[in-house]
Amino acid sequence: MNAATVNIALADNQIAMWWTTLGLGLVVVLVVILLLSLLTGIVRDIDRNVADVWQVATKVARNTTTTWQLTSTGTLTDALREEVHTHATLFQSSNGSNRGARV
């Protein structure tokens, strides 16, 4: 074996290693692109679902902003009933009829 044959054999071996490395690098790049595409789709789905939840939550918040007033509803209804009864009584006495006296 002379020195030229050894150098050519090493060069062929090195070229094969470089092609193998480049091929594996291409596979890795394609896998990364695929995974990033899947991740982008998942993030889009999450974003859309979060937007839907936010929309429903704001509607619920808008519909429940006055629930603190429910505690006084009974008292105010009783007061309104008394007021209507007073008006009906006054109307009946001033009109001389029985219309409107029933409340």
C-alpha atoms as a PDB file:
ATOM      1  CA  MET A   1       0.000   0.000   0.000  1.00  0.00           C
ATOM      2  CA  ASN A   2       1.344   3.316  -0.867  1.00  0.00           C
ATOM      3  CA  ALA A   3       0.468   6.702   0.647  1.00  0.00           C
ATOM      4  CA  ALA A   4      -1.745   7.782  -2.274  1.00  0.00           C
ATOM      5  CA  THR A   5      -4.058   4.769  -1.844  1.00  0.00           C
ATOM      6  CA  VAL A   6      -4.452   5.411   1.894  1.00  0.00           C
ATOM      7  CA  ASN A   7      -5.294   9.098   1.277  1.00  0.00           C
ATOM      8  CA  ILE A   8      -7.921   8.208  -1.351  1.00  0.00           C
ATOM      9  CA  ALA A   9      -9.498   5.592   0.929  1.00  0.00           C
ATOM     10  CA  LEU A  10      -9.695   8.095   3.762  1.00  0.00           C
ATOM     11  CA  ALA A  11     -11.101  10.707   1.430  1.00  0.00           C
ATOM     12  CA  ASP A  12     -13.830   8.316   0.210  1.00  0.00           C
ATOM     13  CA  ASN A  13     -14.618   7.366   3.781  1.00  0.00           C
ATOM     14  CA  GLN A  14     -14.771  11.023   4.821  1.00  0.00           C
ATOM     15  CA  ILE A  15     -17.046  11.880   1.877  1.00  0.00           C
ATOM     16  CA  ALA A  16     -19.414   9.076   2.858  1.00  0.00           C
ATOM     17  CA  MET A  17     -19.481  10.374   6.455  1.00  0.00           C
ATOM     18  CA  TRP A  18     -20.212  13.908   5.225  1.00  0.00           C
ATOM     19  CA  TRP A  19     -23.131  12.710   3.071  1.00  0.00           C
ATOM     20  CA  THR A  20     -24.456  10.677   5.991  1.00  0.00           C
ATOM     21  CA  THR A  21     -24.187  13.715   8.260  1.00  0.00           C
ATOM     22  CA  LEU A  22     -25.924  15.949   5.712  1.00  0.00           C
ATOM     23  CA  GLY A  23     -28.684  13.362   5.227  1.00  0.00           C
ATOM     24  CA  LEU A  24     -29.261  13.095   8.975  1.00  0.00           C
ATOM     25  CA  GLY A  25     -29.258  16.888   9.233  1.00  0.00           C
ATOM     26  CA  LEU A  26     -31.927  17.080   6.526  1.00  0.00           C
ATOM     27  CA  VAL A  27     -34.049  14.516   8.385  1.00  0.00           C
ATOM     28  CA  VAL A  28     -33.690  16.505  11.610  1.00  0.00           C
ATOM     29  CA  VAL A  29     -34.682  19.748   9.854  1.00  0.00           C
ATOM     30  CA  LEU A  30     -37.762  18.079   8.331  1.00  0.00           C
ATOM     31  CA  VAL A  31     -38.787  16.642  11.715  1.00  0.00           C
ATOM     32  CA  VAL A  32     -38.376  20.067  13.344  1.00  0.00           C
ATOM     33  CA  ILE A  33     -40.515  21.677  10.613  1.00  0.00           C
ATOM     34  CA  LEU A  34     -43.197  19.027  11.118  1.00  0.00           C
ATOM     35  CA  LEU A  35     -43.197  19.454  14.899  1.00  0.00           C
ATOM     36  CA  LEU A  36     -43.331  23.248  14.652  1.00  0.00           C
ATOM     37  CA  SER A  37     -46.256  22.989  12.232  1.00  0.00           C
ATOM     38  CA  LEU A  38     -48.116  20.750  14.688  1.00  0.00           C
ATOM     39  CA  LEU A  39     -47.298  23.132  17.537  1.00  0.00           C
ATOM     40  CA  THR A  40     -48.585  26.090  15.527  1.00  0.00           C
ATOM     41  CA  GLY A  41     -51.866  24.268  14.899  1.00  0.00           C
ATOM     42  CA  ILE A  42     -52.235  23.400  18.580  1.00  0.00           C
ATOM     43  CA  VAL A  43     -51.522  27.006  19.619  1.00  0.00           C
ATOM     44  CA  ARG A  44     -54.105  28.257  17.100  1.00  0.00           C
ATOM     45  CA  ASP A  45     -56.705  25.880  18.579  1.00  0.00           C
ATOM     46  CA  ILE A  46     -55.864  27.001  22.109  1.00  0.00           C
ATOM     47  CA  ASP A  47     -56.075  30.659  21.092  1.00  0.00           C
ATOM     48  CA  ARG A  48     -59.478  30.158  19.462  1.00  0.00           C
ATOM     49  CA  ASN A  49     -60.808  28.278  22.516  1.00  0.00           C
ATOM     50  CA  VAL A  50     -59.474  30.911  24.914  1.00  0.00           C
ATOM     51  CA  ALA A  51     -61.186  33.612  22.850  1.00  0.00           C
ATOM     52  CA  ASP A  52     -64.459  31.665  23.066  1.00  0.00           C
ATOM     53  CA  VAL A  53     -64.102  31.249  26.834  1.00  0.00           C
ATOM     54  CA  TRP A  54     -63.301  34.958  27.210  1.00  0.00           C
ATOM     55  CA  GLN A  55     -66.397  35.899  25.217  1.00  0.00           C
ATOM     56  CA  VAL A  56     -68.644  33.674  27.353  1.00  0.00           C
ATOM     57  CA  ALA A  57     -67.026  34.926  30.568  1.00  0.00           C
ATOM     58  CA  THR A  58     -67.637  38.563  29.630  1.00  0.00           C
ATOM     59  CA  LYS A  59     -71.280  37.766  28.826  1.00  0.00           C
ATOM     60  CA  VAL A  60     -71.679  36.061  32.205  1.00  0.00           C
ATOM     61  CA  ALA A  61     -70.032  39.015  33.925  1.00  0.00           C
ATOM     62  CA  ARG A  62     -72.350  41.447  32.150  1.00  0.00           C
ATOM     63  CA  ASN A  63     -75.400  39.388  33.093  1.00  0.00           C
ATOM     64  CA  THR A  64     -74.453  39.098  36.759  1.00  0.00           C
ATOM     65  CA  THR A  65     -73.258  42.614  37.566  1.00  0.00           C
ATOM     66  CA  THR A  66     -76.493  43.555  39.319  1.00  0.00           C
ATOM     67  CA  THR A  67     -77.034  40.390  41.350  1.00  0.00           C
ATOM     68  CA  TRP A  68     -76.024  42.260  44.515  1.00  0.00           C
ATOM     69  CA  GLN A  69     -79.367  44.079  44.254  1.00  0.00           C
ATOM     70  CA  LEU A  70     -81.335  40.849  44.628  1.00  0.00           C
ATOM     71  CA  THR A  71     -81.034  41.021  48.419  1.00  0.00           C
ATOM     72  CA  SER A  72     -83.236  44.139  48.506  1.00  0.00           C
ATOM     73  CA  THR A  73     -85.770  42.915  45.941  1.00  0.00           C
ATOM     74  CA  GLY A  74     -88.122  41.413  48.548  1.00  0.00           C
ATOM     75  CA  THR A  75     -88.137  44.550  50.674  1.00  0.00           C
ATOM     76  CA  LEU A  76     -88.696  46.811  47.690  1.00  0.00           C
ATOM     77  CA  THR A  77     -91.489  44.573  46.397  1.00  0.00           C
ATOM     78  CA  ASP A  78     -93.271  44.792  49.748  1.00  0.00           C
ATOM     79  CA  ALA A  79     -92.892  48.575  49.751  1.00  0.00           C
ATOM     80  CA  LEU A  80     -94.224  48.761  46.193  1.00  0.00           C
ATOM     81  CA  ARG A  81     -97.190  46.549  47.126  1.00  0.00           C
ATOM     82  CA  GLU A  82     -98.044  48.861  50.037  1.00  0.00           C
ATOM     83  CA  GLU A  83     -97.735  51.920  47.802  1.00  0.00           C
ATOM     84  CA  VAL A  84     -99.969  50.401  45.135  1.00  0.00           C
ATOM     85  CA  HIS A  85    -102.490  49.426  47.808  1.00  0.00           C
ATOM     86  CA  THR A  86    -102.460  53.014  49.137  1.00  0.00           C
ATOM     87  CA  HIS A  87    -103.012  54.413  45.635  1.00  0.00           C
ATOM     88  CA  ALA A  88    -105.808  51.925  44.996  1.00  0.00           C
ATOM     89  CA  THR A  89    -107.480  52.860  48.265  1.00  0.00           C
ATOM     90  CA  LEU A  90    -107.219  56.573  47.484  1.00  0.00           C
ATOM     91  CA  PHE A  91    -108.512  56.010  43.981  1.00  0.00           C
ATOM     92  CA  GLN A  92    -111.439  53.999  45.301  1.00  0.00           C
ATOM     93  CA  SER A  93    -112.363  56.591  47.904  1.00  0.00           C
ATOM     94  CA  SER A  94    -112.097  59.514  45.476  1.00  0.00           C
ATOM     95  CA  ASN A  95    -113.885  57.712  42.653  1.00  0.00           C
ATOM     96  CA  GLY A  96    -116.527  56.034  44.739  1.00  0.00           C
ATOM     97  CA  SER A  97    -116.150  52.744  42.882  1.00  0.00           C
ATOM     98  CA  ASN A  98    -114.596  49.378  43.666  1.00  0.00           C
ATOM     99  CA  ARG A  99    -112.446  49.246  40.544  1.00  0.00           C
ATOM    100  CA  GLY A 100    -108.776  49.021  41.296  1.00  0.00           C
ATOM    101  CA  ALA A 101    -109.193  48.305  44.982  1.00  0.00           C
ATOM    102  CA  ARG A 102    -108.122  44.728  44.557  1.00  0.00           C
ATOM    103  CA  VAL A 103    -104.326  44.370  44.655  1.00  0.00           C
END
